[in-house]
Amino acid sequence: MKAPDIELPDIGRLVFQATCQVPRGKVTTYGDIAKAMGDVSASRVVGSILARNPRPIEVPCHRVVYGTGEVGWYCGMGKGTDTKQGLLREEGVPMSEGRVDLAKVGFSDFHIDPGLARLREQQERLSRRVVERDDRGRLCKVAGLDVAYRGDQAFSAMAVLDIDTGSVDIRSDLSEVKFPYIPSYLSFRELASLAPLVSSSSNTLFLVDGQGVLHPRGLGIASHLGVVLDVPTIGAAKSLLVGEVDPFDARSIRYKGEERGRVVGEGRRKLYVSVGHRVSLDTAEEIVRRYCLDAENSPLILAHRAAEKAKREAGD
């Protein structure tokens, strides 16, 4: 199936645009640029983009520092600190022990598109369409979905387990990555890669390596995929994004005072399970417990291996 077209902000362009607005003699922070785009959680990706800045004087990334005032690196990780300090001194930026005084020379008056705020609003709107009850036909197949990355390429894979026969069908796809990884915005990175693998068969339940409703805005990749394609989905993540395990019930995950997920498995096989779309939490836990804890036959693990294999073969 094809996911609906989503107008994604060009994060790289916005970062460079903001950086070019910092005046000579002033500095800004990675966090301030992220806030201008709509969410401070993008601070790390701002740093990653500027570390690969192909035009370091034209796009004056030396004017972007840490929130502590520390100057940091320049033109790559772990290098260029002295060069960066020298460029700032030449522009009249006062410095003491490698730090600038943000109260005196800080700049944050950006005029750029707050694209992440728009995406956040879209998540909040779609989250209201999530169905948290069992709404499907007879379950015949359980499909695991995962994505592996190499540069700007996404290798997506789906492993479909036929419950009656035990046979597994592996499908894969290759697509271009159009959005960076930003915490809580993963679905905008992976949706276009996963959607072509999904069919609308009413007897298939899709397990996604990621969050469902256990998400700051109730719309992780499993829920986003389920809502826009109208298929039953479950989120089965390897780590918690939000919420905490109930100290009085080790299988229950609570967020904002409500049970929003379950812990299934233990050790390296532990998964944090939540409703994606058109399933109940009890069913989500049951399906993951029944089909995803066997390392040899888990649709999620088989999908992960298939995605990694496709990535390796592409690099040969």
C-alpha atoms as a PDB file:
ATOM      1  CA  MET A   1       0.000   0.000   0.000  1.00  0.00           C
ATOM      2  CA  LYS A   2       1.085   3.575  -0.537  1.00  0.00           C
ATOM      3  CA  ALA A   3       1.127   5.956   2.403  1.00  0.00           C
ATOM      4  CA  PRO A   4      -0.548   9.325   1.879  1.00  0.00           C
ATOM      5  CA  ASP A   5       1.893  11.981   0.740  1.00  0.00           C
ATOM      6  CA  ILE A   6       3.175  13.990   3.690  1.00  0.00           C
ATOM      7  CA  GLU A   7       4.751  17.398   3.232  1.00  0.00           C
ATOM      8  CA  LEU A   8       7.961  16.980   5.193  1.00  0.00           C
ATOM      9  CA  PRO A   9      10.065  19.988   6.140  1.00  0.00           C
ATOM     10  CA  ASP A  10      13.586  20.004   4.718  1.00  0.00           C
ATOM     11  CA  ILE A  11      15.418  19.863   8.037  1.00  0.00           C
ATOM     12  CA  GLY A  12      18.861  20.407   6.510  1.00  0.00           C
ATOM     13  CA  ARG A  13      17.728  23.488   4.627  1.00  0.00           C
ATOM     14  CA  LEU A  14      16.103  24.919   7.768  1.00  0.00           C
ATOM     15  CA  VAL A  15      19.259  24.369   9.834  1.00  0.00           C
ATOM     16  CA  PHE A  16      21.429  26.113   7.241  1.00  0.00           C
ATOM     17  CA  GLN A  17      18.870  28.901   6.841  1.00  0.00           C
ATOM     18  CA  ALA A  18      18.832  29.552  10.591  1.00  0.00           C
ATOM     19  CA  THR A  19      22.616  29.424  10.851  1.00  0.00           C
ATOM     20  CA  CYS A  20      22.940  32.067   8.135  1.00  0.00           C
ATOM     21  CA  GLN A  21      20.723  34.400  10.179  1.00  0.00           C
ATOM     22  CA  VAL A  22      23.171  34.559  13.104  1.00  0.00           C
ATOM     23  CA  PRO A  23      24.916  37.959  12.851  1.00  0.00           C
ATOM     24  CA  ARG A  24      28.647  38.495  12.992  1.00  0.00           C
ATOM     25  CA  GLY A  25      29.720  38.913  16.617  1.00  0.00           C
ATOM     26  CA  LYS A  26      26.831  36.788  17.895  1.00  0.00           C
ATOM     27  CA  VAL A  27      26.355  33.074  18.583  1.00  0.00           C
ATOM     28  CA  THR A  28      23.409  30.741  18.902  1.00  0.00           C
ATOM     29  CA  THR A  29      23.001  27.206  20.225  1.00  0.00           C
ATOM     30  CA  TYR A  30      22.010  23.921  18.651  1.00  0.00           C
ATOM     31  CA  GLY A  31      18.983  23.948  20.943  1.00  0.00           C
ATOM     32  CA  ASP A  32      17.912  27.436  19.844  1.00  0.00           C
ATOM     33  CA  ILE A  33      17.927  26.374  16.183  1.00  0.00           C
ATOM     34  CA  ALA A  34      15.949  23.247  17.087  1.00  0.00           C
ATOM     35  CA  LYS A  35      13.403  25.357  18.975  1.00  0.00           C
ATOM     36  CA  ALA A  36      13.037  27.626  15.946  1.00  0.00           C
ATOM     37  CA  MET A  37      12.198  24.545  13.865  1.00  0.00           C
ATOM     38  CA  GLY A  38       9.554  23.640  16.407  1.00  0.00           C
ATOM     39  CA  ASP A  39      11.099  21.202  18.899  1.00  0.00           C
ATOM     40  CA  VAL A  40      14.236  21.276  21.039  1.00  0.00           C
ATOM     41  CA  SER A  41      14.449  17.478  20.723  1.00  0.00           C
ATOM     42  CA  ALA A  42      16.017  18.084  17.303  1.00  0.00           C
ATOM     43  CA  SER A  43      19.165  19.584  18.884  1.00  0.00           C
ATOM     44  CA  ARG A  44      21.291  16.536  18.174  1.00  0.00           C
ATOM     45  CA  VAL A  45      20.335  16.397  14.507  1.00  0.00           C
ATOM     46  CA  VAL A  46      21.164  20.116  14.194  1.00  0.00           C
ATOM     47  CA  GLY A  47      24.679  19.308  15.378  1.00  0.00           C
ATOM     48  CA  SER A  48      24.933  16.347  13.026  1.00  0.00           C
ATOM     49  CA  ILE A  49      23.893  18.425  10.023  1.00  0.00           C
ATOM     50  CA  LEU A  50      26.290  21.250  10.828  1.00  0.00           C
ATOM     51  CA  ALA A  51      29.147  18.775  11.305  1.00  0.00           C
ATOM     52  CA  ARG A  52      28.744  17.962   7.601  1.00  0.00           C
ATOM     53  CA  ASN A  53      28.369  21.587   6.495  1.00  0.00           C
ATOM     54  CA  PRO A  54      29.910  21.765   2.989  1.00  0.00           C
ATOM     55  CA  ARG A  55      30.257  25.575   3.074  1.00  0.00           C
ATOM     56  CA  PRO A  56      31.539  26.399   6.594  1.00  0.00           C
ATOM     57  CA  ILE A  57      32.183  30.127   6.018  1.00  0.00           C
ATOM     58  CA  GLU A  58      29.202  30.872   3.805  1.00  0.00           C
ATOM     59  CA  VAL A  59      27.031  28.986   6.283  1.00  0.00           C
ATOM     60  CA  PRO A  60      28.740  30.224   9.477  1.00  0.00           C
ATOM     61  CA  CYS A  61      28.428  27.137  11.661  1.00  0.00           C
ATOM     62  CA  HIS A  62      31.263  28.443  13.848  1.00  0.00           C
ATOM     63  CA  ARG A  63      28.594  30.715  15.369  1.00  0.00           C
ATOM     64  CA  VAL A  64      26.662  27.751  16.758  1.00  0.00           C
ATOM     65  CA  VAL A  65      27.751  26.557  20.209  1.00  0.00           C
ATOM     66  CA  TYR A  66      26.530  24.357  23.043  1.00  0.00           C
ATOM     67  CA  GLY A  67      23.897  25.519  25.491  1.00  0.00           C
ATOM     68  CA  THR A  68      26.603  25.682  28.178  1.00  0.00           C
ATOM     69  CA  GLY A  69      28.473  28.286  26.131  1.00  0.00           C
ATOM     70  CA  GLU A  70      31.225  25.817  25.242  1.00  0.00           C
ATOM     71  CA  VAL A  71      32.388  26.353  21.680  1.00  0.00           C
ATOM     72  CA  GLY A  72      32.557  22.676  20.723  1.00  0.00           C
ATOM     73  CA  TRP A  73      33.831  21.136  17.484  1.00  0.00           C
ATOM     74  CA  TYR A  74      34.113  22.576  14.008  1.00  0.00           C
ATOM     75  CA  CYS A  75      33.654  20.814  10.645  1.00  0.00           C
ATOM     76  CA  GLY A  76      33.466  17.332  12.109  1.00  0.00           C
ATOM     77  CA  MET A  77      33.303  15.429  15.359  1.00  0.00           C
ATOM     78  CA  GLY A  78      36.232  15.757  17.722  1.00  0.00           C
ATOM     79  CA  LYS A  79      38.179  18.376  15.806  1.00  0.00           C
ATOM     80  CA  GLY A  80      38.451  22.060  14.935  1.00  0.00           C
ATOM     81  CA  THR A  81      37.839  23.591  18.375  1.00  0.00           C
ATOM     82  CA  ASP A  82      40.847  25.917  18.156  1.00  0.00           C
ATOM     83  CA  THR A  83      39.857  27.027  14.649  1.00  0.00           C
ATOM     84  CA  LYS A  84      36.312  27.727  15.806  1.00  0.00           C
ATOM     85  CA  GLN A  85      37.509  29.761  18.771  1.00  0.00           C
ATOM     86  CA  GLY A  86      39.814  31.752  16.480  1.00  0.00           C
ATOM     87  CA  LEU A  87      36.990  32.583  14.058  1.00  0.00           C
ATOM     88  CA  LEU A  88      34.777  33.783  16.890  1.00  0.00           C
ATOM     89  CA  ARG A  89      37.537  35.944  18.386  1.00  0.00           C
ATOM     90  CA  GLU A  90      38.125  37.534  14.979  1.00  0.00           C
ATOM     91  CA  GLU A  91      34.439  38.522  14.986  1.00  0.00           C
ATOM     92  CA  GLY A  92      34.757  40.110  18.421  1.00  0.00           C
ATOM     93  CA  VAL A  93      33.026  37.399  20.437  1.00  0.00           C
ATOM     94  CA  PRO A  94      34.446  37.501  24.004  1.00  0.00           C
ATOM     95  CA  MET A  95      35.501  34.143  25.388  1.00  0.00           C
ATOM     96  CA  SER A  96      36.664  32.873  28.755  1.00  0.00           C
ATOM     97  CA  GLU A  97      38.184  29.405  29.123  1.00  0.00           C
ATOM     98  CA  GLY A  98      36.661  28.263  25.855  1.00  0.00           C
ATOM     99  CA  ARG A  99      33.154  29.492  26.671  1.00  0.00           C
ATOM    100  CA  VAL A 100      31.095  32.396  25.432  1.00  0.00           C
ATOM    101  CA  ASP A 101      28.657  34.372  27.546  1.00  0.00           C
ATOM    102  CA  LEU A 102      25.303  33.578  25.937  1.00  0.00           C
ATOM    103  CA  ALA A 103      23.597  36.280  27.998  1.00  0.00           C
ATOM    104  CA  LYS A 104      25.723  38.891  26.225  1.00  0.00           C
ATOM    105  CA  VAL A 105      26.189  37.545  22.691  1.00  0.00           C
ATOM    106  CA  GLY A 106      23.419  34.960  22.330  1.00  0.00           C
ATOM    107  CA  PHE A 107      21.058  35.187  19.336  1.00  0.00           C
ATOM    108  CA  SER A 108      17.724  33.413  18.870  1.00  0.00           C
ATOM    109  CA  ASP A 109      15.583  35.759  16.770  1.00  0.00           C
ATOM    110  CA  PHE A 110      15.139  33.344  13.872  1.00  0.00           C
ATOM    111  CA  HIS A 111      12.656  33.623  11.044  1.00  0.00           C
ATOM    112  CA  ILE A 112      12.282  30.119   9.639  1.00  0.00           C
ATOM    113  CA  ASP A 113       9.473  27.638   9.111  1.00  0.00           C
ATOM    114  CA  PRO A 114       8.619  25.812  12.383  1.00  0.00           C
ATOM    115  CA  GLY A 115       8.180  22.595  10.422  1.00  0.00           C
ATOM    116  CA  LEU A 116       8.398  20.243  13.399  1.00  0.00           C
ATOM    117  CA  ALA A 117       5.529  22.051  15.090  1.00  0.00           C
ATOM    118  CA  ARG A 118       3.379  21.256  12.052  1.00  0.00           C
ATOM    119  CA  LEU A 119       4.333  17.595  12.207  1.00  0.00           C
ATOM    120  CA  ARG A 120       3.559  17.524  15.911  1.00  0.00           C
ATOM    121  CA  GLU A 121       0.104  18.945  15.272  1.00  0.00           C
ATOM    122  CA  GLN A 122      -0.453  16.261  12.642  1.00  0.00           C
ATOM    123  CA  GLN A 123       0.506  13.553  15.137  1.00  0.00           C
ATOM    124  CA  GLU A 124      -1.898  14.942  17.707  1.00  0.00           C
ATOM    125  CA  ARG A 125      -4.698  15.052  15.143  1.00  0.00           C
ATOM    126  CA  LEU A 126      -4.123  11.499  13.897  1.00  0.00           C
ATOM    127  CA  SER A 127      -3.780  10.123  17.426  1.00  0.00           C
ATOM    128  CA  ARG A 128      -7.459  10.893  17.980  1.00  0.00           C
ATOM    129  CA  ARG A 129      -8.281   8.340  15.268  1.00  0.00           C
ATOM    130  CA  VAL A 130      -6.481   5.438  16.948  1.00  0.00           C
ATOM    131  CA  VAL A 131      -8.850   2.559  17.775  1.00  0.00           C
ATOM    132  CA  GLU A 132      -7.812   0.751  20.959  1.00  0.00           C
ATOM    133  CA  ARG A 133     -10.093  -2.271  20.668  1.00  0.00           C
ATOM    134  CA  ASP A 134     -10.055  -5.476  18.639  1.00  0.00           C
ATOM    135  CA  ASP A 135     -11.434  -4.641  15.214  1.00  0.00           C
ATOM    136  CA  ARG A 136     -10.456  -7.254  12.630  1.00  0.00           C
ATOM    137  CA  GLY A 137     -11.481 -10.548  11.094  1.00  0.00           C
ATOM    138  CA  ARG A 138     -10.151 -14.027  11.906  1.00  0.00           C
ATOM    139  CA  LEU A 139      -6.412 -13.808  12.492  1.00  0.00           C
ATOM    140  CA  CYS A 140      -4.542 -15.887   9.901  1.00  0.00           C
ATOM    141  CA  LYS A 141      -1.201 -14.104   9.572  1.00  0.00           C
ATOM    142  CA  VAL A 142       1.152 -12.125  11.789  1.00  0.00           C
ATOM    143  CA  ALA A 143       3.612  -9.855   9.996  1.00  0.00           C
ATOM    144  CA  GLY A 144       6.733  -8.253  11.448  1.00  0.00           C
ATOM    145  CA  LEU A 145       8.096  -4.989  10.011  1.00  0.00           C
ATOM    146  CA  ASP A 146      11.523  -3.408  10.395  1.00  0.00           C
ATOM    147  CA  VAL A 147      13.899  -0.982   8.622  1.00  0.00           C
ATOM    148  CA  ALA A 148      17.702  -0.870   8.344  1.00  0.00           C
ATOM    149  CA  TYR A 149      19.635   2.144   7.110  1.00  0.00           C
ATOM    150  CA  ARG A 150      22.744   2.852   5.095  1.00  0.00           C
ATOM    151  CA  GLY A 151      23.328   6.550   4.504  1.00  0.00           C
ATOM    152  CA  ASP A 152      20.280   7.912   2.717  1.00  0.00           C
ATOM    153  CA  GLN A 153      18.943   4.449   1.838  1.00  0.00           C
ATOM    154  CA  ALA A 154      16.245   2.604   3.809  1.00  0.00           C
ATOM    155  CA  PHE A 155      16.042  -1.185   3.552  1.00  0.00           C
ATOM    156  CA  SER A 156      12.598  -2.211   4.795  1.00  0.00           C
ATOM    157  CA  ALA A 157      11.497  -5.798   5.286  1.00  0.00           C
ATOM    158  CA  MET A 158       8.383  -7.705   6.301  1.00  0.00           C
ATOM    159  CA  ALA A 159       8.206 -11.300   7.519  1.00  0.00           C
ATOM    160  CA  VAL A 160       4.684 -12.755   7.264  1.00  0.00           C
ATOM    161  CA  LEU A 161       3.988 -15.813   9.403  1.00  0.00           C
ATOM    162  CA  ASP A 162       1.071 -17.996   8.314  1.00  0.00           C
ATOM    163  CA  ILE A 163      -0.424 -19.192  11.595  1.00  0.00           C
ATOM    164  CA  ASP A 164      -2.045 -22.291  10.109  1.00  0.00           C
ATOM    165  CA  THR A 165       0.920 -23.623   8.109  1.00  0.00           C
ATOM    166  CA  GLY A 166       3.877 -22.087   9.953  1.00  0.00           C
ATOM    167  CA  SER A 167       5.344 -20.882   6.654  1.00  0.00           C
ATOM    168  CA  VAL A 168       7.040 -17.499   6.460  1.00  0.00           C
ATOM    169  CA  ASP A 169       7.033 -15.148   3.487  1.00  0.00           C
ATOM    170  CA  ILE A 170       9.771 -12.489   3.379  1.00  0.00           C
ATOM    171  CA  ARG A 171       9.319  -9.279   1.423  1.00  0.00           C
ATOM    172  CA  SER A 172      11.648  -6.307   1.180  1.00  0.00           C
ATOM    173  CA  ASP A 173      11.874  -2.879  -0.381  1.00  0.00           C
ATOM    174  CA  LEU A 174      14.438  -0.140  -0.929  1.00  0.00           C
ATOM    175  CA  SER A 175      13.630   3.550  -0.633  1.00  0.00           C
ATOM    176  CA  GLU A 176      15.278   6.912  -0.140  1.00  0.00           C
ATOM    177  CA  VAL A 177      15.474   8.397   3.341  1.00  0.00           C
ATOM    178  CA  LYS A 178      13.859  11.838   3.284  1.00  0.00           C
ATOM    179  CA  PHE A 179      13.807  12.708   6.976  1.00  0.00           C
ATOM    180  CA  PRO A 180      16.449  12.446   9.726  1.00  0.00           C
ATOM    181  CA  TYR A 181      16.031  10.582  12.984  1.00  0.00           C
ATOM    182  CA  ILE A 182      14.513  12.900  15.587  1.00  0.00           C
ATOM    183  CA  PRO A 183      13.144  11.446  18.845  1.00  0.00           C
ATOM    184  CA  SER A 184       9.322  11.105  18.746  1.00  0.00           C
ATOM    185  CA  TYR A 185       9.216  11.831  14.967  1.00  0.00           C
ATOM    186  CA  LEU A 186      10.409   8.393  13.796  1.00  0.00           C
ATOM    187  CA  SER A 187       7.203   7.670  11.877  1.00  0.00           C
ATOM    188  CA  PHE A 188       7.936  10.511   9.432  1.00  0.00           C
ATOM    189  CA  ARG A 189      11.233   8.792   8.666  1.00  0.00           C
ATOM    190  CA  GLU A 190       9.899   5.235   8.314  1.00  0.00           C
ATOM    191  CA  LEU A 191       6.306   5.491   7.102  1.00  0.00           C
ATOM    192  CA  ALA A 192       7.106   5.754   3.392  1.00  0.00           C
ATOM    193  CA  SER A 193       9.519   2.803   3.665  1.00  0.00           C
ATOM    194  CA  LEU A 194       7.131   0.440   5.436  1.00  0.00           C
ATOM    195  CA  ALA A 195       3.823   1.265   3.738  1.00  0.00           C
ATOM    196  CA  PRO A 196       4.608  -0.380   0.351  1.00  0.00           C
ATOM    197  CA  LEU A 197       5.061  -3.732   2.106  1.00  0.00           C
ATOM    198  CA  VAL A 198       1.681  -3.661   3.823  1.00  0.00           C
ATOM    199  CA  SER A 199      -1.481  -5.155   2.366  1.00  0.00           C
ATOM    200  CA  SER A 200      -5.030  -4.390   3.518  1.00  0.00           C
ATOM    201  CA  SER A 201      -5.875  -8.055   4.217  1.00  0.00           C
ATOM    202  CA  SER A 202      -8.274  -8.151   7.147  1.00  0.00           C
ATOM    203  CA  ASN A 203      -6.772 -11.389   8.471  1.00  0.00           C
ATOM    204  CA  THR A 204      -3.237 -10.016   8.989  1.00  0.00           C
ATOM    205  CA  LEU A 205      -1.958  -8.233  12.075  1.00  0.00           C
ATOM    206  CA  PHE A 206       1.165  -6.097  11.648  1.00  0.00           C
ATOM    207  CA  LEU A 207       3.858  -5.919  14.327  1.00  0.00           C
ATOM    208  CA  VAL A 208       6.130  -2.885  14.057  1.00  0.00           C
ATOM    209  CA  ASP A 209       9.557  -2.488  15.632  1.00  0.00           C
ATOM    210  CA  GLY A 210       8.683   0.804  17.333  1.00  0.00           C
ATOM    211  CA  GLN A 211       6.143   2.550  19.505  1.00  0.00           C
ATOM    212  CA  GLY A 212       2.373   2.521  19.237  1.00  0.00           C
ATOM    213  CA  VAL A 213       0.364   4.767  21.562  1.00  0.00           C
ATOM    214  CA  LEU A 214       3.209   4.682  24.093  1.00  0.00           C
ATOM    215  CA  HIS A 215       4.459   7.945  22.644  1.00  0.00           C
ATOM    216  CA  PRO A 216       4.450  11.592  23.798  1.00  0.00           C
ATOM    217  CA  ARG A 217       1.587  12.378  21.426  1.00  0.00           C
ATOM    218  CA  GLY A 218       0.048   8.921  21.274  1.00  0.00           C
ATOM    219  CA  LEU A 219       1.193   8.245  17.711  1.00  0.00           C
ATOM    220  CA  GLY A 220       4.364   6.221  17.316  1.00  0.00           C
ATOM    221  CA  ILE A 221       5.219   4.526  14.034  1.00  0.00           C
ATOM    222  CA  ALA A 222       2.916   1.537  14.709  1.00  0.00           C
ATOM    223  CA  SER A 223      -0.080   3.787  15.348  1.00  0.00           C
ATOM    224  CA  HIS A 224       0.752   6.172  12.519  1.00  0.00           C
ATOM    225  CA  LEU A 225       1.061   3.290  10.039  1.00  0.00           C
ATOM    226  CA  GLY A 226      -2.119   1.663  11.291  1.00  0.00           C
ATOM    227  CA  VAL A 227      -4.225   4.817  11.117  1.00  0.00           C
ATOM    228  CA  VAL A 228      -3.152   6.043   7.685  1.00  0.00           C
ATOM    229  CA  LEU A 229      -3.430   2.569   6.098  1.00  0.00           C
ATOM    230  CA  ASP A 230      -6.366   1.460   8.274  1.00  0.00           C
ATOM    231  CA  VAL A 231      -4.787  -1.864   9.253  1.00  0.00           C
ATOM    232  CA  PRO A 232      -4.450  -3.518  12.709  1.00  0.00           C
ATOM    233  CA  THR A 233      -1.013  -2.865  14.187  1.00  0.00           C
ATOM    234  CA  ILE A 234       0.976  -3.412  17.376  1.00  0.00           C
ATOM    235  CA  GLY A 235       4.016  -1.488  18.568  1.00  0.00           C
ATOM    236  CA  ALA A 236       6.817  -3.673  19.967  1.00  0.00           C
ATOM    237  CA  ALA A 237       9.819  -1.516  20.857  1.00  0.00           C
ATOM    238  CA  LYS A 238      13.179  -2.507  22.326  1.00  0.00           C
ATOM    239  CA  SER A 239      13.287   0.559  24.594  1.00  0.00           C
ATOM    240  CA  LEU A 240      10.911   2.964  26.297  1.00  0.00           C
ATOM    241  CA  LEU A 241      10.370   6.393  24.776  1.00  0.00           C
ATOM    242  CA  VAL A 242       7.978   7.585  27.486  1.00  0.00           C
ATOM    243  CA  GLY A 243       6.344   6.111  30.562  1.00  0.00           C
ATOM    244  CA  GLU A 244       7.718   3.858  33.260  1.00  0.00           C
ATOM    245  CA  VAL A 245       7.223   0.314  34.445  1.00  0.00           C
ATOM    246  CA  ASP A 246       4.770   0.141  37.348  1.00  0.00           C
ATOM    247  CA  PRO A 247       6.783  -0.566  40.522  1.00  0.00           C
ATOM    248  CA  PHE A 248       3.913  -2.737  41.778  1.00  0.00           C
ATOM    249  CA  ASP A 249       3.301  -4.589  38.506  1.00  0.00           C
ATOM    250  CA  ALA A 250       6.415  -5.331  36.459  1.00  0.00           C
ATOM    251  CA  ARG A 251       4.428  -6.111  33.298  1.00  0.00           C
ATOM    252  CA  SER A 252       2.517  -2.812  33.219  1.00  0.00           C
ATOM    253  CA  ILE A 253       3.803   0.457  31.701  1.00  0.00           C
ATOM    254  CA  ARG A 254       2.146   3.637  32.835  1.00  0.00           C
ATOM    255  CA  TYR A 255       2.219   7.079  31.256  1.00  0.00           C
ATOM    256  CA  LYS A 256       0.413  10.151  32.562  1.00  0.00           C
ATOM    257  CA  GLY A 257      -1.355   8.037  35.171  1.00  0.00           C
ATOM    258  CA  GLU A 258      -2.726   5.448  32.726  1.00  0.00           C
ATOM    259  CA  GLU A 259      -1.634   2.000  31.636  1.00  0.00           C
ATOM    260  CA  ARG A 260      -0.412   2.475  28.056  1.00  0.00           C
ATOM    261  CA  GLY A 261       1.775  -0.560  27.514  1.00  0.00           C
ATOM    262  CA  ARG A 262       3.006  -3.944  28.700  1.00  0.00           C
ATOM    263  CA  VAL A 263       6.430  -5.505  29.183  1.00  0.00           C
ATOM    264  CA  VAL A 264       6.797  -8.824  27.370  1.00  0.00           C
ATOM    265  CA  GLY A 265       9.840 -11.081  27.692  1.00  0.00           C
ATOM    266  CA  GLU A 266      13.025 -10.443  29.605  1.00  0.00           C
ATOM    267  CA  GLY A 267      16.705  -9.765  29.089  1.00  0.00           C
ATOM    268  CA  ARG A 268      17.680  -9.226  25.455  1.00  0.00           C
ATOM    269  CA  ARG A 269      14.239 -10.409  24.330  1.00  0.00           C
ATOM    270  CA  LYS A 270      12.350  -7.794  26.370  1.00  0.00           C
ATOM    271  CA  LEU A 271       9.843  -5.775  24.356  1.00  0.00           C
ATOM    272  CA  TYR A 272       7.746  -2.763  25.332  1.00  0.00           C
ATOM    273  CA  VAL A 273       4.363  -3.416  23.777  1.00  0.00           C
ATOM    274  CA  SER A 274       1.568  -0.966  23.087  1.00  0.00           C
ATOM    275  CA  VAL A 275      -1.542  -0.664  20.952  1.00  0.00           C
ATOM    276  CA  GLY A 276      -0.901   0.440  17.414  1.00  0.00           C
ATOM    277  CA  HIS A 277      -4.374   0.557  15.889  1.00  0.00           C
ATOM    278  CA  ARG A 278      -7.489  -1.630  15.891  1.00  0.00           C
ATOM    279  CA  VAL A 279      -6.292  -3.938  18.676  1.00  0.00           C
ATOM    280  CA  SER A 280      -6.718  -3.970  22.440  1.00  0.00           C
ATOM    281  CA  LEU A 281      -3.756  -3.859  24.807  1.00  0.00           C
ATOM    282  CA  ASP A 282      -4.597  -7.363  26.074  1.00  0.00           C
ATOM    283  CA  THR A 283      -4.525  -8.706  22.524  1.00  0.00           C
ATOM    284  CA  ALA A 284      -1.304  -6.844  21.734  1.00  0.00           C
ATOM    285  CA  GLU A 285       0.394  -8.453  24.729  1.00  0.00           C
ATOM    286  CA  GLU A 286      -0.982 -11.904  23.878  1.00  0.00           C
ATOM    287  CA  ILE A 287       0.152 -11.737  20.234  1.00  0.00           C
ATOM    288  CA  VAL A 288       3.667 -10.573  21.094  1.00  0.00           C
ATOM    289  CA  ARG A 289       4.009 -13.141  23.868  1.00  0.00           C
ATOM    290  CA  ARG A 290       2.825 -15.938  21.580  1.00  0.00           C
ATOM    291  CA  TYR A 291       4.711 -15.102  18.386  1.00  0.00           C
ATOM    292  CA  CYS A 292       7.678 -12.863  19.174  1.00  0.00           C
ATOM    293  CA  LEU A 293       9.714 -14.509  21.931  1.00  0.00           C
ATOM    294  CA  ASP A 294      11.090 -17.373  19.829  1.00  0.00           C
ATOM    295  CA  ALA A 295      14.304 -16.059  18.269  1.00  0.00           C
ATOM    296  CA  GLU A 296      14.077 -18.444  15.330  1.00  0.00           C
ATOM    297  CA  ASN A 297      10.457 -17.853  14.365  1.00  0.00           C
ATOM    298  CA  SER A 298       9.592 -14.344  15.578  1.00  0.00           C
ATOM    299  CA  PRO A 299       8.260 -12.282  12.635  1.00  0.00           C
ATOM    300  CA  LEU A 300       9.935  -9.211  14.125  1.00  0.00           C
ATOM    301  CA  ILE A 301      13.355 -10.858  14.364  1.00  0.00           C
ATOM    302  CA  LEU A 302      13.005 -12.382  10.890  1.00  0.00           C
ATOM    303  CA  ALA A 303      12.091  -8.965   9.473  1.00  0.00           C
ATOM    304  CA  HIS A 304      15.086  -7.411  11.236  1.00  0.00           C
ATOM    305  CA  ARG A 305      17.435 -10.045   9.788  1.00  0.00           C
ATOM    306  CA  ALA A 306      15.978  -9.600   6.317  1.00  0.00           C
ATOM    307  CA  ALA A 307      16.428  -5.827   6.453  1.00  0.00           C
ATOM    308  CA  GLU A 308      20.020  -6.164   7.671  1.00  0.00           C
ATOM    309  CA  LYS A 309      20.759  -8.772   4.993  1.00  0.00           C
ATOM    310  CA  ALA A 310      19.448  -6.454   2.271  1.00  0.00           C
ATOM    311  CA  LYS A 311      21.647  -3.674   3.617  1.00  0.00           C
ATOM    312  CA  ARG A 312      24.742  -5.911   3.658  1.00  0.00           C
ATOM    313  CA  GLU A 313      24.126  -7.187   0.142  1.00  0.00           C
ATOM    314  CA  ALA A 314      23.721  -3.624  -1.142  1.00  0.00           C
ATOM    315  CA  GLY A 315      27.140  -2.793   0.231  1.00  0.00           C
ATOM    316  CA  ASP A 316      28.884  -5.697  -1.508  1.00  0.00           C
END
